[in-house]
């Protein structure tokens, strides 16, 4: 199915305004961001797999704190664990049980996957890690091959530096408000990061 750009809360208008600025680097970042955004209907069956777990997490937490569910390819729950509004602490035994499975958790802030999420997925060899918001948005990282930690750190820091410079300019030019920038910033980082690392796939989907 063809990718369709996901517009919400004036996002498409902001993106078009950013593109119209004529700044080549801004245009490049926006293009990368859009490349990783998909509308409802894309990979439908894959996202249907996560729907019952998303519903359970949001029902159990009311989206006030984070909760993770680790599942196998058949949808069998390996274990689940709750944390604080900002994080979940796993024991070494729990981390060892994640290998080869999928992790879905919520981000009450609405933000996309963090660097800690990426490193967790890579270090403990998850197949996928997914974050959901209370607005039906999925952020999904699919790991196709294992990477060295130092390579990930280098590429992530490079992506962060690039996204920071662009976001500062977008806010300074009045294209994004500070609040809009806070929500978009991490997605910019993840888009640049995923584009620079072979063997991983990142996507944002509203379902």
N, C-alpha and C. Protein backbone atom coordinates (compact mmCIF):
# COMPACT_ATOMS: atom_id res chain seq x y z
N UNK A 1 0.84 -1.19 0.00
CA UNK A 1 0.00 0.00 0.00
C UNK A 1 0.88 1.24 0.00
N UNK A 2 0.49 2.23 -0.77
CA UNK A 2 1.27 3.47 -0.85
C UNK A 2 1.28 4.20 0.48
N UNK A 3 2.41 4.76 0.83
CA UNK A 3 2.52 5.56 2.03
C UNK A 3 1.70 6.83 1.88
N UNK A 4 1.02 7.22 2.93
CA UNK A 4 0.22 8.44 2.92
C UNK A 4 0.65 9.30 4.09
N UNK A 5 0.90 10.54 3.84
CA UNK A 5 1.36 11.44 4.89
C UNK A 5 0.28 11.65 5.94
N UNK A 6 0.64 11.49 7.17
CA UNK A 6 -0.28 11.63 8.29
C UNK A 6 -0.35 13.09 8.73
N UNK A 7 -1.50 13.71 8.56
CA UNK A 7 -1.68 15.10 8.99
C UNK A 7 -2.52 15.11 10.26
N UNK A 8 -2.09 15.87 11.25
CA UNK A 8 -2.89 16.02 12.46
C UNK A 8 -2.57 17.35 13.13
N UNK A 9 -3.60 18.01 13.62
CA UNK A 9 -3.46 19.26 14.38
C UNK A 9 -2.60 20.30 13.67
N UNK A 10 -2.80 20.45 12.37
CA UNK A 10 -2.07 21.46 11.63
C UNK A 10 -0.65 21.08 11.27
N UNK A 11 -0.28 19.83 11.50
CA UNK A 11 1.09 19.41 11.25
C UNK A 11 1.49 19.57 9.79
N UNK A 12 0.58 19.17 8.90
CA UNK A 12 0.89 19.28 7.47
C UNK A 12 1.09 20.74 7.07
N UNK A 13 0.30 21.63 7.65
CA UNK A 13 0.44 23.05 7.37
C UNK A 13 1.80 23.57 7.85
N UNK A 14 2.22 23.13 9.03
CA UNK A 14 3.53 23.53 9.56
C UNK A 14 4.65 23.00 8.68
N UNK A 15 4.51 21.75 8.26
CA UNK A 15 5.53 21.16 7.40
C UNK A 15 5.63 21.92 6.07
N UNK A 16 4.50 22.24 5.49
CA UNK A 16 4.50 22.97 4.22
C UNK A 16 5.13 24.35 4.38
N UNK A 17 4.85 24.98 5.52
CA UNK A 17 5.45 26.30 5.80
C UNK A 17 6.96 26.17 5.95
N UNK A 18 7.39 25.09 6.60
CA UNK A 18 8.82 24.85 6.78
C UNK A 18 9.49 24.63 5.42
N UNK A 19 8.86 23.85 4.56
CA UNK A 19 9.40 23.59 3.23
C UNK A 19 9.49 24.89 2.42
N UNK A 20 8.46 25.73 2.57
CA UNK A 20 8.40 26.99 1.82
C UNK A 20 9.46 27.99 2.26
N UNK A 21 10.11 27.72 3.39
CA UNK A 21 11.15 28.64 3.87
C UNK A 21 12.33 28.70 2.92
N UNK A 22 12.48 27.65 2.12
CA UNK A 22 13.57 27.63 1.15
C UNK A 22 14.90 27.15 1.70
N UNK A 23 14.94 26.85 3.00
CA UNK A 23 16.16 26.36 3.64
C UNK A 23 16.37 24.89 3.25
N UNK A 24 17.47 24.61 2.58
CA UNK A 24 17.71 23.25 2.06
C UNK A 24 17.78 22.20 3.16
N UNK A 25 18.41 22.56 4.29
CA UNK A 25 18.55 21.59 5.38
C UNK A 25 17.20 21.31 6.03
N UNK A 26 16.38 22.35 6.20
CA UNK A 26 15.03 22.15 6.75
C UNK A 26 14.23 21.26 5.81
N UNK A 27 14.31 21.53 4.53
CA UNK A 27 13.58 20.72 3.54
C UNK A 27 14.01 19.25 3.61
N UNK A 28 15.30 19.03 3.82
CA UNK A 28 15.82 17.65 3.92
C UNK A 28 15.27 16.94 5.15
N UNK A 29 15.25 17.63 6.29
CA UNK A 29 14.75 17.03 7.52
C UNK A 29 13.25 16.75 7.43
N UNK A 30 12.50 17.68 6.87
CA UNK A 30 11.05 17.48 6.71
C UNK A 30 10.78 16.29 5.81
N UNK A 31 11.54 16.17 4.74
CA UNK A 31 11.37 15.04 3.82
C UNK A 31 11.64 13.71 4.53
N UNK A 32 12.68 13.69 5.36
CA UNK A 32 12.99 12.47 6.13
C UNK A 32 11.88 12.16 7.12
N UNK A 33 11.39 13.20 7.79
CA UNK A 33 10.32 13.02 8.77
C UNK A 33 9.08 12.41 8.10
N UNK A 34 8.70 12.95 6.96
CA UNK A 34 7.51 12.48 6.25
C UNK A 34 7.70 11.04 5.75
N UNK A 35 8.94 10.71 5.43
CA UNK A 35 9.26 9.36 4.94
C UNK A 35 8.91 8.29 5.98
N UNK A 36 8.97 8.67 7.25
CA UNK A 36 8.74 7.70 8.33
C UNK A 36 7.35 7.80 8.95
N UNK A 37 6.46 8.55 8.33
CA UNK A 37 5.09 8.71 8.84
C UNK A 37 4.12 8.02 7.89
N UNK A 38 3.22 7.23 8.46
CA UNK A 38 2.25 6.50 7.66
C UNK A 38 0.85 6.71 8.22
N UNK A 39 -0.13 6.62 7.36
CA UNK A 39 -1.51 6.79 7.80
C UNK A 39 -2.14 5.45 8.14
N UNK A 40 -3.32 5.49 8.73
CA UNK A 40 -4.07 4.28 9.04
C UNK A 40 -4.26 3.48 7.76
N UNK A 41 -4.10 2.19 7.88
CA UNK A 41 -4.26 1.32 6.72
C UNK A 41 -2.94 0.76 6.24
N UNK A 42 -1.84 1.38 6.65
CA UNK A 42 -0.53 0.89 6.24
C UNK A 42 -0.15 -0.28 7.16
N UNK A 43 0.20 -1.42 6.56
CA UNK A 43 0.56 -2.62 7.33
C UNK A 43 -0.53 -2.94 8.36
N UNK A 44 -1.76 -2.95 7.91
CA UNK A 44 -2.91 -3.10 8.80
C UNK A 44 -2.79 -4.29 9.74
N UNK A 45 -2.46 -5.45 9.21
CA UNK A 45 -2.41 -6.66 10.04
C UNK A 45 -1.33 -6.55 11.12
N UNK A 46 -0.23 -5.90 10.79
CA UNK A 46 0.86 -5.76 11.76
C UNK A 46 0.44 -4.89 12.94
N UNK A 47 -0.33 -3.86 12.66
CA UNK A 47 -0.77 -2.98 13.74
C UNK A 47 -1.98 -3.56 14.49
N UNK A 48 -2.76 -4.36 13.82
CA UNK A 48 -3.86 -5.05 14.51
C UNK A 48 -3.29 -5.98 15.58
N UNK A 49 -2.12 -6.53 15.33
CA UNK A 49 -1.45 -7.39 16.31
C UNK A 49 -1.26 -6.65 17.63
N UNK A 50 -0.94 -5.36 17.56
CA UNK A 50 -0.64 -4.59 18.76
C UNK A 50 -1.87 -3.97 19.43
N UNK A 51 -2.99 -3.92 18.72
CA UNK A 51 -4.16 -3.23 19.25
C UNK A 51 -4.62 -3.71 20.62
N UNK A 52 -4.79 -5.03 20.84
CA UNK A 52 -5.25 -5.46 22.17
C UNK A 52 -4.26 -5.13 23.29
N UNK A 53 -2.98 -5.13 22.98
CA UNK A 53 -1.97 -4.80 24.00
C UNK A 53 -1.98 -3.30 24.29
N UNK A 54 -2.15 -2.51 23.24
CA UNK A 54 -2.26 -1.06 23.43
C UNK A 54 -3.47 -0.75 24.31
N UNK A 55 -4.60 -1.37 24.00
CA UNK A 55 -5.83 -1.12 24.77
C UNK A 55 -5.66 -1.52 26.23
N UNK A 56 -5.01 -2.65 26.46
CA UNK A 56 -4.78 -3.12 27.83
C UNK A 56 -3.88 -2.16 28.60
N UNK A 57 -2.82 -1.70 27.96
CA UNK A 57 -1.89 -0.78 28.62
C UNK A 57 -2.59 0.52 28.99
N UNK A 58 -3.32 1.10 28.06
CA UNK A 58 -3.98 2.37 28.33
C UNK A 58 -5.11 2.21 29.34
N UNK A 59 -5.78 1.07 29.31
CA UNK A 59 -6.84 0.80 30.29
C UNK A 59 -6.25 0.63 31.70
N UNK A 60 -5.15 -0.09 31.78
CA UNK A 60 -4.54 -0.36 33.09
C UNK A 60 -3.90 0.87 33.71
N UNK A 61 -3.38 1.75 32.87
CA UNK A 61 -2.61 2.90 33.38
C UNK A 61 -3.34 4.23 33.27
N UNK A 62 -4.43 4.27 32.47
CA UNK A 62 -5.09 5.54 32.14
C UNK A 62 -4.09 6.51 31.52
N UNK A 63 -2.99 5.98 31.04
CA UNK A 63 -1.90 6.72 30.42
C UNK A 63 -1.24 7.73 31.36
N UNK A 64 -1.28 7.42 32.66
CA UNK A 64 -0.61 8.28 33.66
C UNK A 64 0.77 7.75 34.02
N UNK A 65 1.04 6.50 33.73
CA UNK A 65 2.36 5.93 33.97
C UNK A 65 2.67 4.94 32.87
N UNK A 66 3.94 4.61 32.74
CA UNK A 66 4.34 3.69 31.69
C UNK A 66 4.09 2.24 32.10
N UNK A 67 3.72 1.45 31.11
CA UNK A 67 3.57 0.01 31.32
C UNK A 67 4.06 -0.68 30.05
N UNK A 68 4.79 -1.77 30.22
CA UNK A 68 5.32 -2.53 29.08
C UNK A 68 4.75 -3.95 29.09
N UNK A 69 4.49 -4.44 27.90
CA UNK A 69 4.08 -5.84 27.71
C UNK A 69 5.04 -6.45 26.71
N UNK A 70 5.63 -7.57 27.06
CA UNK A 70 6.54 -8.28 26.17
C UNK A 70 5.79 -9.50 25.64
N UNK A 71 5.75 -9.64 24.31
CA UNK A 71 4.98 -10.71 23.68
C UNK A 71 5.83 -11.44 22.65
N UNK A 72 5.43 -12.69 22.36
CA UNK A 72 6.11 -13.42 21.29
C UNK A 72 5.36 -13.21 19.97
N UNK A 73 5.82 -13.85 18.91
CA UNK A 73 5.23 -13.65 17.59
C UNK A 73 3.78 -14.10 17.50
N UNK A 74 3.37 -14.99 18.40
CA UNK A 74 2.00 -15.50 18.40
C UNK A 74 1.06 -14.64 19.25
N UNK A 75 1.61 -13.61 19.89
CA UNK A 75 0.79 -12.75 20.73
C UNK A 75 0.64 -13.24 22.15
N UNK A 76 1.44 -14.23 22.52
CA UNK A 76 1.43 -14.72 23.90
C UNK A 76 2.26 -13.78 24.77
N UNK A 77 1.68 -13.35 25.88
CA UNK A 77 2.38 -12.44 26.78
C UNK A 77 3.47 -13.19 27.56
N UNK A 78 4.70 -12.72 27.45
CA UNK A 78 5.81 -13.30 28.19
C UNK A 78 5.79 -12.76 29.62
N UNK A 79 5.70 -11.44 29.74
CA UNK A 79 5.47 -10.81 31.04
C UNK A 79 5.10 -9.35 30.81
N UNK A 80 4.62 -8.69 31.83
CA UNK A 80 4.28 -7.26 31.75
C UNK A 80 4.75 -6.57 33.02
N UNK A 81 5.02 -5.28 32.90
CA UNK A 81 5.53 -4.55 34.07
C UNK A 81 5.18 -3.07 33.97
N UNK A 82 4.82 -2.49 35.11
CA UNK A 82 4.49 -1.07 35.18
C UNK A 82 5.65 -0.29 35.79
N UNK A 83 5.65 1.02 35.52
CA UNK A 83 6.71 1.88 36.05
C UNK A 83 6.17 3.22 36.50
N UNK A 84 6.93 4.25 36.29
CA UNK A 84 6.56 5.63 36.64
C UNK A 84 6.03 6.32 35.38
N UNK A 85 5.61 7.59 35.49
CA UNK A 85 5.19 8.32 34.29
C UNK A 85 6.29 8.49 33.25
N UNK A 86 7.55 8.28 33.64
CA UNK A 86 8.66 8.54 32.73
C UNK A 86 9.51 7.32 32.37
N UNK A 87 9.39 6.23 33.13
CA UNK A 87 10.31 5.11 32.89
C UNK A 87 9.81 3.83 33.52
N UNK A 88 10.42 2.72 33.08
CA UNK A 88 10.19 1.40 33.66
C UNK A 88 11.55 0.79 33.95
N UNK A 89 11.73 0.28 35.14
CA UNK A 89 12.98 -0.37 35.52
C UNK A 89 12.81 -1.89 35.43
N UNK A 90 13.67 -2.53 34.63
CA UNK A 90 13.61 -3.98 34.47
C UNK A 90 14.77 -4.63 35.22
N UNK A 91 14.53 -5.80 35.78
CA UNK A 91 15.61 -6.57 36.40
C UNK A 91 16.43 -7.26 35.32
N UNK A 92 17.59 -7.75 35.66
CA UNK A 92 18.43 -8.45 34.70
C UNK A 92 17.73 -9.69 34.17
N UNK A 93 16.99 -10.38 35.03
CA UNK A 93 16.25 -11.57 34.61
C UNK A 93 15.18 -11.19 33.59
N UNK A 94 14.47 -10.12 33.86
CA UNK A 94 13.42 -9.67 32.93
C UNK A 94 14.03 -9.28 31.59
N UNK A 95 15.15 -8.60 31.63
CA UNK A 95 15.82 -8.20 30.39
C UNK A 95 16.24 -9.42 29.57
N UNK A 96 16.71 -10.44 30.24
CA UNK A 96 17.16 -11.65 29.54
C UNK A 96 15.99 -12.38 28.89
N UNK A 97 14.79 -12.21 29.42
CA UNK A 97 13.60 -12.87 28.87
C UNK A 97 13.05 -12.17 27.63
N UNK A 98 13.57 -11.00 27.30
CA UNK A 98 13.06 -10.24 26.17
C UNK A 98 13.60 -10.70 24.82
N UNK A 99 14.73 -11.38 24.81
CA UNK A 99 15.43 -11.72 23.58
C UNK A 99 14.51 -12.42 22.57
N UNK A 100 14.48 -11.89 21.36
CA UNK A 100 13.70 -12.49 20.28
C UNK A 100 12.23 -12.16 20.31
N UNK A 101 11.81 -11.31 21.25
CA UNK A 101 10.39 -10.98 21.37
C UNK A 101 10.11 -9.52 21.01
N UNK A 102 8.89 -9.09 21.24
CA UNK A 102 8.46 -7.73 20.93
C UNK A 102 8.01 -7.04 22.21
N UNK A 103 8.33 -5.76 22.32
CA UNK A 103 7.95 -4.98 23.51
C UNK A 103 7.07 -3.82 23.07
N UNK A 104 5.92 -3.70 23.70
CA UNK A 104 5.05 -2.55 23.48
C UNK A 104 4.83 -1.85 24.81
N UNK A 105 4.94 -0.53 24.81
CA UNK A 105 4.74 0.24 26.03
C UNK A 105 4.16 1.61 25.66
N UNK A 106 3.71 2.34 26.65
CA UNK A 106 3.13 3.65 26.39
C UNK A 106 4.08 4.76 26.83
N UNK A 107 3.93 5.90 26.18
CA UNK A 107 4.63 7.12 26.56
C UNK A 107 3.55 8.16 26.89
N UNK A 108 3.26 8.38 28.16
CA UNK A 108 2.24 9.37 28.53
C UNK A 108 2.49 10.75 27.95
N UNK A 109 3.74 11.08 27.68
CA UNK A 109 4.08 12.39 27.13
C UNK A 109 3.65 12.53 25.68
N UNK A 110 3.42 11.40 25.02
CA UNK A 110 3.08 11.42 23.60
C UNK A 110 4.28 11.38 22.69
N UNK A 111 5.48 11.36 23.27
CA UNK A 111 6.71 11.38 22.47
C UNK A 111 7.00 10.03 21.84
N UNK A 112 7.85 10.06 20.84
CA UNK A 112 8.23 8.84 20.15
C UNK A 112 9.28 8.06 20.96
N UNK A 113 9.88 7.06 20.36
CA UNK A 113 10.87 6.23 21.02
C UNK A 113 12.09 7.05 21.43
N UNK A 114 12.59 6.76 22.61
CA UNK A 114 13.75 7.46 23.14
C UNK A 114 15.04 6.70 22.81
N UNK A 115 16.16 7.33 23.08
CA UNK A 115 17.44 6.66 22.90
C UNK A 115 17.52 5.43 23.80
N UNK A 116 16.99 5.54 25.01
CA UNK A 116 16.99 4.40 25.94
C UNK A 116 16.18 3.24 25.36
N UNK A 117 15.08 3.54 24.68
CA UNK A 117 14.28 2.50 24.04
C UNK A 117 15.09 1.79 22.95
N UNK A 118 15.78 2.59 22.15
CA UNK A 118 16.58 2.04 21.06
C UNK A 118 17.68 1.14 21.60
N UNK A 119 18.39 1.60 22.62
CA UNK A 119 19.48 0.82 23.19
C UNK A 119 18.99 -0.45 23.86
N UNK A 120 17.84 -0.36 24.53
CA UNK A 120 17.24 -1.54 25.14
C UNK A 120 16.94 -2.58 24.08
N UNK A 121 16.31 -2.14 22.99
CA UNK A 121 15.94 -3.07 21.92
C UNK A 121 17.15 -3.73 21.29
N UNK A 122 18.20 -2.95 21.07
CA UNK A 122 19.39 -3.47 20.43
C UNK A 122 20.20 -4.38 21.35
N UNK A 123 20.40 -3.92 22.59
CA UNK A 123 21.25 -4.67 23.52
C UNK A 123 20.65 -6.02 23.90
N UNK A 124 19.31 -6.04 24.02
CA UNK A 124 18.67 -7.29 24.46
C UNK A 124 17.94 -8.00 23.33
N UNK A 125 18.31 -7.63 22.10
CA UNK A 125 17.92 -8.34 20.88
C UNK A 125 16.41 -8.54 20.75
N UNK A 126 15.67 -7.46 20.94
CA UNK A 126 14.24 -7.49 20.65
C UNK A 126 14.03 -7.50 19.14
N UNK A 127 12.91 -8.08 18.71
CA UNK A 127 12.57 -8.00 17.29
C UNK A 127 11.98 -6.63 16.96
N UNK A 128 11.17 -6.14 17.89
CA UNK A 128 10.54 -4.83 17.70
C UNK A 128 10.33 -4.18 19.05
N UNK A 129 10.34 -2.84 19.06
CA UNK A 129 9.92 -2.10 20.24
C UNK A 129 8.94 -1.03 19.77
N UNK A 130 7.82 -0.92 20.48
CA UNK A 130 6.75 -0.02 20.09
C UNK A 130 6.37 0.86 21.27
N UNK A 131 6.17 2.15 21.00
CA UNK A 131 5.63 3.07 22.00
C UNK A 131 4.30 3.59 21.47
N UNK A 132 3.31 3.73 22.35
CA UNK A 132 2.01 4.25 21.94
C UNK A 132 1.66 5.47 22.78
N UNK A 133 0.90 6.36 22.18
CA UNK A 133 0.39 7.52 22.91
C UNK A 133 -1.11 7.31 23.14
N UNK A 134 -1.70 8.17 23.92
CA UNK A 134 -3.13 8.07 24.19
C UNK A 134 -3.98 8.53 23.03
N UNK A 135 -3.34 8.99 21.94
CA UNK A 135 -4.08 9.50 20.78
C UNK A 135 -4.05 8.54 19.60
N UNK A 136 -3.77 7.27 19.89
CA UNK A 136 -3.80 6.26 18.83
C UNK A 136 -2.59 6.28 17.92
N UNK A 137 -1.48 6.86 18.38
CA UNK A 137 -0.27 6.91 17.56
C UNK A 137 0.71 5.84 18.02
N UNK A 138 1.22 5.10 17.06
CA UNK A 138 2.25 4.09 17.31
C UNK A 138 3.60 4.61 16.80
N UNK A 139 4.63 4.37 17.59
CA UNK A 139 6.01 4.60 17.16
C UNK A 139 6.69 3.24 17.21
N UNK A 140 7.22 2.80 16.10
CA UNK A 140 7.67 1.41 16.00
C UNK A 140 9.08 1.31 15.41
N UNK A 141 9.93 0.57 16.10
CA UNK A 141 11.27 0.29 15.61
C UNK A 141 11.38 -1.21 15.36
N UNK A 142 11.71 -1.56 14.13
CA UNK A 142 11.86 -2.98 13.74
C UNK A 142 13.35 -3.24 13.56
N UNK A 143 13.86 -4.24 14.27
CA UNK A 143 15.29 -4.53 14.24
C UNK A 143 15.53 -5.75 13.35
N UNK A 144 16.25 -5.53 12.27
CA UNK A 144 16.50 -6.61 11.32
C UNK A 144 17.88 -7.22 11.47
N UNK A 145 18.80 -6.47 12.09
CA UNK A 145 20.15 -7.00 12.32
C UNK A 145 20.78 -6.29 13.51
N UNK A 146 21.61 -6.99 14.22
CA UNK A 146 22.25 -6.45 15.42
C UNK A 146 23.34 -5.45 15.04
N UNK A 147 23.47 -4.39 15.85
CA UNK A 147 24.46 -3.36 15.60
C UNK A 147 25.37 -3.18 16.81
N UNK A 148 26.56 -2.65 16.57
CA UNK A 148 27.48 -2.35 17.66
C UNK A 148 27.01 -1.11 18.41
N UNK A 149 27.15 -1.14 19.73
CA UNK A 149 26.68 -0.04 20.57
C UNK A 149 27.35 1.27 20.20
N UNK A 150 28.67 1.23 19.97
CA UNK A 150 29.38 2.48 19.67
C UNK A 150 28.91 3.10 18.35
N UNK A 151 28.52 2.26 17.40
CA UNK A 151 27.98 2.76 16.13
C UNK A 151 26.64 3.46 16.36
N UNK A 152 25.79 2.84 17.19
CA UNK A 152 24.48 3.42 17.48
C UNK A 152 24.61 4.75 18.20
N UNK A 153 25.49 4.80 19.19
CA UNK A 153 25.68 6.04 19.96
C UNK A 153 26.16 7.16 19.07
N UNK A 154 27.14 6.87 18.21
CA UNK A 154 27.69 7.87 17.31
C UNK A 154 26.61 8.41 16.36
N UNK A 155 25.88 7.51 15.75
CA UNK A 155 24.86 7.92 14.78
C UNK A 155 23.71 8.64 15.46
N UNK A 156 23.34 8.20 16.66
CA UNK A 156 22.24 8.87 17.37
C UNK A 156 22.65 10.28 17.77
N UNK A 157 23.84 10.45 18.27
CA UNK A 157 24.31 11.78 18.67
C UNK A 157 24.42 12.72 17.47
N UNK A 158 24.83 12.17 16.34
CA UNK A 158 24.88 12.98 15.11
C UNK A 158 23.47 13.41 14.70
N UNK A 159 22.52 12.48 14.78
CA UNK A 159 21.13 12.79 14.43
C UNK A 159 20.55 13.82 15.38
N UNK A 160 20.88 13.69 16.66
CA UNK A 160 20.39 14.64 17.67
C UNK A 160 20.92 16.04 17.41
N UNK A 161 22.18 16.14 17.09
CA UNK A 161 22.80 17.45 16.81
C UNK A 161 22.14 18.10 15.59
N UNK A 162 21.90 17.29 14.56
CA UNK A 162 21.29 17.80 13.34
C UNK A 162 19.85 18.25 13.58
N UNK A 163 19.09 17.43 14.31
CA UNK A 163 17.69 17.75 14.59
C UNK A 163 17.58 18.98 15.49
N UNK A 164 18.50 19.12 16.44
CA UNK A 164 18.49 20.26 17.36
C UNK A 164 18.67 21.58 16.62
N UNK A 165 19.61 21.59 15.69
CA UNK A 165 19.88 22.81 14.93
C UNK A 165 18.67 23.22 14.09
N UNK A 166 18.05 22.22 13.46
CA UNK A 166 16.87 22.51 12.62
C UNK A 166 15.69 22.95 13.46
N UNK A 167 15.48 22.29 14.59
CA UNK A 167 14.33 22.64 15.44
C UNK A 167 14.50 24.03 16.03
N UNK A 168 15.71 24.39 16.38
CA UNK A 168 15.97 25.74 16.89
C UNK A 168 15.60 26.79 15.85
N UNK A 169 15.94 26.52 14.61
CA UNK A 169 15.63 27.46 13.53
C UNK A 169 14.13 27.53 13.28
N UNK A 170 13.45 26.39 13.33
CA UNK A 170 12.00 26.37 13.10
C UNK A 170 11.25 27.15 14.17
N UNK A 171 11.71 27.04 15.41
CA UNK A 171 11.09 27.80 16.50
C UNK A 171 11.43 29.28 16.38
N UNK A 172 12.68 29.58 16.10
CA UNK A 172 13.12 30.97 15.96
C UNK A 172 12.37 31.69 14.85
N UNK A 173 12.07 30.95 13.78
CA UNK A 173 11.38 31.54 12.63
C UNK A 173 9.86 31.56 12.81
N UNK A 174 9.38 31.03 13.95
CA UNK A 174 7.95 31.06 14.23
C UNK A 174 7.13 30.03 13.49
N UNK A 175 7.79 29.04 12.90
CA UNK A 175 7.07 27.99 12.17
C UNK A 175 6.51 26.96 13.14
N UNK A 176 7.27 26.63 14.19
CA UNK A 176 6.82 25.74 15.26
C UNK A 176 6.77 26.53 16.57
N UNK A 177 5.77 26.26 17.39
CA UNK A 177 5.79 26.79 18.75
C UNK A 177 6.71 25.89 19.57
N UNK A 178 7.07 26.33 20.76
CA UNK A 178 7.94 25.52 21.62
C UNK A 178 7.27 24.18 21.94
N UNK A 179 5.96 24.19 22.19
CA UNK A 179 5.24 22.96 22.51
C UNK A 179 5.23 22.01 21.32
N UNK A 180 4.97 22.53 20.14
CA UNK A 180 4.99 21.70 18.93
C UNK A 180 6.39 21.13 18.69
N UNK A 181 7.39 21.94 18.94
CA UNK A 181 8.76 21.50 18.76
C UNK A 181 9.12 20.37 19.72
N UNK A 182 8.66 20.47 20.95
CA UNK A 182 8.95 19.43 21.94
C UNK A 182 8.41 18.07 21.51
N UNK A 183 7.22 18.07 20.90
CA UNK A 183 6.61 16.81 20.46
C UNK A 183 7.24 16.29 19.17
N UNK A 184 7.71 17.19 18.32
CA UNK A 184 8.24 16.80 17.02
C UNK A 184 9.73 16.45 17.06
N UNK A 185 10.42 17.03 18.02
CA UNK A 185 11.88 16.93 18.09
C UNK A 185 12.39 15.49 18.06
N UNK A 186 11.85 14.65 18.92
CA UNK A 186 12.33 13.28 19.00
C UNK A 186 12.04 12.50 17.72
N UNK A 187 10.92 12.83 17.07
CA UNK A 187 10.61 12.18 15.79
C UNK A 187 11.63 12.57 14.73
N UNK A 188 12.06 13.82 14.73
CA UNK A 188 13.10 14.25 13.81
C UNK A 188 14.38 13.46 14.05
N UNK A 189 14.74 13.32 15.33
CA UNK A 189 15.96 12.57 15.67
C UNK A 189 15.85 11.13 15.16
N UNK A 190 14.73 10.48 15.47
CA UNK A 190 14.56 9.08 15.08
C UNK A 190 14.54 8.92 13.56
N UNK A 191 13.98 9.88 12.86
CA UNK A 191 13.93 9.81 11.40
C UNK A 191 15.33 9.89 10.80
N UNK A 192 16.12 10.84 11.29
CA UNK A 192 17.50 10.98 10.80
C UNK A 192 18.32 9.76 11.20
N UNK A 193 18.16 9.32 12.44
CA UNK A 193 18.90 8.17 12.95
C UNK A 193 18.60 6.91 12.14
N UNK A 194 17.31 6.62 11.94
CA UNK A 194 16.93 5.40 11.21
C UNK A 194 17.40 5.45 9.77
N UNK A 195 17.46 6.63 9.21
CA UNK A 195 17.91 6.76 7.83
C UNK A 195 19.40 6.49 7.68
N UNK A 196 20.13 6.61 8.80
CA UNK A 196 21.59 6.44 8.75
C UNK A 196 22.06 5.05 9.16
N UNK A 197 21.14 4.22 9.67
CA UNK A 197 21.51 2.89 10.17
C UNK A 197 20.82 1.81 9.33
N UNK A 198 21.61 0.99 8.67
CA UNK A 198 21.04 -0.13 7.92
C UNK A 198 20.64 -1.23 8.88
N UNK A 199 19.56 -1.90 8.57
CA UNK A 199 19.13 -3.03 9.40
C UNK A 199 18.10 -2.68 10.44
N UNK A 200 17.63 -1.41 10.46
CA UNK A 200 16.52 -1.05 11.33
C UNK A 200 15.49 -0.27 10.52
N UNK A 201 14.26 -0.30 10.97
CA UNK A 201 13.20 0.42 10.30
C UNK A 201 12.37 1.14 11.36
N UNK A 202 12.12 2.42 11.16
CA UNK A 202 11.34 3.22 12.12
C UNK A 202 10.13 3.81 11.42
N UNK A 203 8.98 3.77 12.11
CA UNK A 203 7.78 4.37 11.54
C UNK A 203 6.84 4.89 12.61
N UNK A 204 6.12 5.93 12.25
CA UNK A 204 5.07 6.49 13.08
C UNK A 204 3.75 6.28 12.34
N UNK A 205 2.81 5.69 13.01
CA UNK A 205 1.53 5.38 12.37
C UNK A 205 0.38 5.70 13.30
N UNK A 206 -0.61 6.39 12.77
CA UNK A 206 -1.83 6.63 13.53
C UNK A 206 -2.83 5.55 13.13
N UNK A 207 -3.32 4.81 14.13
CA UNK A 207 -4.18 3.67 13.81
C UNK A 207 -5.50 3.77 14.53
